[in-house]
Amino acid sequence: MCLTTPATVLRVAERGGICVVTVLSPDEGERDCLTYVEDLQPGERVLVAGGAIVERFDEDAACDLPLASLLIEAFDATHQSGGIRP
């Protein structure tokens, strides 16, 4: 089973010719991911699966989906500016 988690892009960098994106997610905190999505910018919301960004997270479209709405709420509830709540 493959699970995706929402995350927020913090930084985008190139390491050895590979795009590496640092994200902040509610369940894994800050971590580096590979990406299948081009032109990501800090602040964008994304979906991460297996250590790779697989999709931009469209919050407007997600509001129509109950599970996606719950993921957004959970993400927002576990974060405050500056990091994850203890």
C-alpha atoms as a PDB file:
ATOM      1  CA  MET A   1       0.000   0.000   0.000  1.00  0.00           C
ATOM      2  CA  CYS A   2       1.289   3.442  -0.898  1.00  0.00           C
ATOM      3  CA  LEU A   3       0.416   6.383   1.337  1.00  0.00           C
ATOM      4  CA  THR A   4       0.795  10.016   0.415  1.00  0.00           C
ATOM      5  CA  THR A   5       1.186  12.813   2.895  1.00  0.00           C
ATOM      6  CA  PRO A   6       0.748  16.545   2.403  1.00  0.00           C
ATOM      7  CA  ALA A   7       3.808  18.725   2.871  1.00  0.00           C
ATOM      8  CA  THR A   8       4.961  22.287   2.333  1.00  0.00           C
ATOM      9  CA  VAL A   9       8.011  23.067   0.197  1.00  0.00           C
ATOM     10  CA  LEU A  10      10.695  24.850   2.226  1.00  0.00           C
ATOM     11  CA  ARG A  11      13.679  24.874  -0.169  1.00  0.00           C
ATOM     12  CA  VAL A  12      14.552  23.719  -3.674  1.00  0.00           C
ATOM     13  CA  ALA A  13      18.189  22.921  -4.489  1.00  0.00           C
ATOM     14  CA  GLU A  14      20.287  21.027  -6.992  1.00  0.00           C
ATOM     15  CA  ARG A  15      22.743  18.432  -5.755  1.00  0.00           C
ATOM     16  CA  GLY A  16      24.916  16.707  -8.321  1.00  0.00           C
ATOM     17  CA  GLY A  17      22.471  17.518 -11.099  1.00  0.00           C
ATOM     18  CA  ILE A  18      19.477  16.186  -9.145  1.00  0.00           C
ATOM     19  CA  CYS A  19      16.674  18.430  -7.889  1.00  0.00           C
ATOM     20  CA  VAL A  20      16.262  17.947  -4.130  1.00  0.00           C
ATOM     21  CA  VAL A  21      13.354  19.579  -2.331  1.00  0.00           C
ATOM     22  CA  THR A  22      13.225  20.112   1.428  1.00  0.00           C
ATOM     23  CA  VAL A  23       9.671  19.790   2.710  1.00  0.00           C
ATOM     24  CA  LEU A  24       7.903  20.011   6.048  1.00  0.00           C
ATOM     25  CA  SER A  25       5.271  17.346   6.695  1.00  0.00           C
ATOM     26  CA  PRO A  26       3.197  16.743   9.827  1.00  0.00           C
ATOM     27  CA  ASP A  27       4.235  13.125  10.324  1.00  0.00           C
ATOM     28  CA  GLU A  28       7.920  13.254   9.334  1.00  0.00           C
ATOM     29  CA  GLY A  29       8.930  16.834  10.030  1.00  0.00           C
ATOM     30  CA  GLU A  30      11.542  18.412   7.781  1.00  0.00           C
ATOM     31  CA  ARG A  31      13.111  16.100   5.192  1.00  0.00           C
ATOM     32  CA  ASP A  32      14.630  16.042   1.731  1.00  0.00           C
ATOM     33  CA  CYS A  33      12.738  14.512  -1.195  1.00  0.00           C
ATOM     34  CA  LEU A  34      13.293  13.847  -4.848  1.00  0.00           C
ATOM     35  CA  THR A  35      10.616  15.272  -7.108  1.00  0.00           C
ATOM     36  CA  TYR A  36       8.662  14.308 -10.190  1.00  0.00           C
ATOM     37  CA  VAL A  37       7.126  17.802 -10.317  1.00  0.00           C
ATOM     38  CA  GLU A  38       8.841  20.649 -12.156  1.00  0.00           C
ATOM     39  CA  ASP A  39       9.281  24.269 -11.072  1.00  0.00           C
ATOM     40  CA  LEU A  40       8.360  23.921  -7.405  1.00  0.00           C
ATOM     41  CA  GLN A  41       8.596  27.047  -5.271  1.00  0.00           C
ATOM     42  CA  PRO A  42       8.907  27.488  -1.487  1.00  0.00           C
ATOM     43  CA  GLY A  43       5.492  27.673   0.136  1.00  0.00           C
ATOM     44  CA  GLU A  44       3.760  25.359  -2.331  1.00  0.00           C
ATOM     45  CA  ARG A  45       1.808  22.417  -0.932  1.00  0.00           C
ATOM     46  CA  VAL A  46       2.668  19.003  -2.375  1.00  0.00           C
ATOM     47  CA  LEU A  47       1.910  15.321  -1.911  1.00  0.00           C
ATOM     48  CA  VAL A  48       4.826  13.058  -0.955  1.00  0.00           C
ATOM     49  CA  ALA A  49       4.893   9.285  -1.500  1.00  0.00           C
ATOM     50  CA  GLY A  50       7.863   7.050  -0.791  1.00  0.00           C
ATOM     51  CA  GLY A  51      10.260   9.960  -0.294  1.00  0.00           C
ATOM     52  CA  ALA A  52       9.362  11.639  -3.594  1.00  0.00           C
ATOM     53  CA  ILE A  53       7.072  14.523  -4.429  1.00  0.00           C
ATOM     54  CA  VAL A  54       4.465  13.127  -6.782  1.00  0.00           C
ATOM     55  CA  GLU A  55       2.043  16.021  -7.208  1.00  0.00           C
ATOM     56  CA  ARG A  56       1.233  19.613  -6.369  1.00  0.00           C
ATOM     57  CA  PHE A  57      -1.567  19.764  -3.840  1.00  0.00           C
ATOM     58  CA  ASP A  58      -4.421  21.837  -5.244  1.00  0.00           C
ATOM     59  CA  GLU A  59      -6.235  23.011  -2.131  1.00  0.00           C
ATOM     60  CA  ASP A  60      -9.161  24.449  -4.088  1.00  0.00           C
ATOM     61  CA  ALA A  61      -9.906  21.120  -5.767  1.00  0.00           C
ATOM     62  CA  ALA A  62      -9.166  19.223  -2.558  1.00  0.00           C
ATOM     63  CA  CYS A  63     -11.920  21.050  -0.689  1.00  0.00           C
ATOM     64  CA  ASP A  64     -14.414  18.964  -2.640  1.00  0.00           C
ATOM     65  CA  LEU A  65     -12.860  15.741  -1.317  1.00  0.00           C
ATOM     66  CA  PRO A  66     -13.541  14.829   2.329  1.00  0.00           C
ATOM     67  CA  LEU A  67     -10.252  12.952   2.883  1.00  0.00           C
ATOM     68  CA  ALA A  68      -8.165  15.697   1.304  1.00  0.00           C
ATOM     69  CA  SER A  69      -9.930  18.292   3.439  1.00  0.00           C
ATOM     70  CA  LEU A  70      -9.135  16.264   6.558  1.00  0.00           C
ATOM     71  CA  LEU A  71      -5.469  16.030   5.518  1.00  0.00           C
ATOM     72  CA  ILE A  72      -5.307  19.805   5.098  1.00  0.00           C
ATOM     73  CA  GLU A  73      -6.918  20.353   8.494  1.00  0.00           C
ATOM     74  CA  ALA A  74      -4.553  17.877  10.173  1.00  0.00           C
ATOM     75  CA  PHE A  75      -1.522  19.482   8.543  1.00  0.00           C
ATOM     76  CA  ASP A  76      -2.581  22.961   9.586  1.00  0.00           C
ATOM     77  CA  ALA A  77      -3.476  21.821  13.110  1.00  0.00           C
ATOM     78  CA  THR A  78      -0.041  20.304  13.717  1.00  0.00           C
ATOM     79  CA  HIS A  79       1.965  23.265  12.444  1.00  0.00           C
ATOM     80  CA  GLN A  80       2.590  26.797  13.478  1.00  0.00           C
ATOM     81  CA  SER A  81       5.041  29.261  12.012  1.00  0.00           C
ATOM     82  CA  GLY A  82       8.513  28.083  12.862  1.00  0.00           C
ATOM     83  CA  GLY A  83       7.879  24.352  12.938  1.00  0.00           C
ATOM     84  CA  ILE A  84       5.896  21.465  14.316  1.00  0.00           C
ATOM     85  CA  ARG A  85       4.086  21.777  17.602  1.00  0.00           C
ATOM     86  CA  PRO A  86       5.482  19.675  20.450  1.00  0.00           C
END
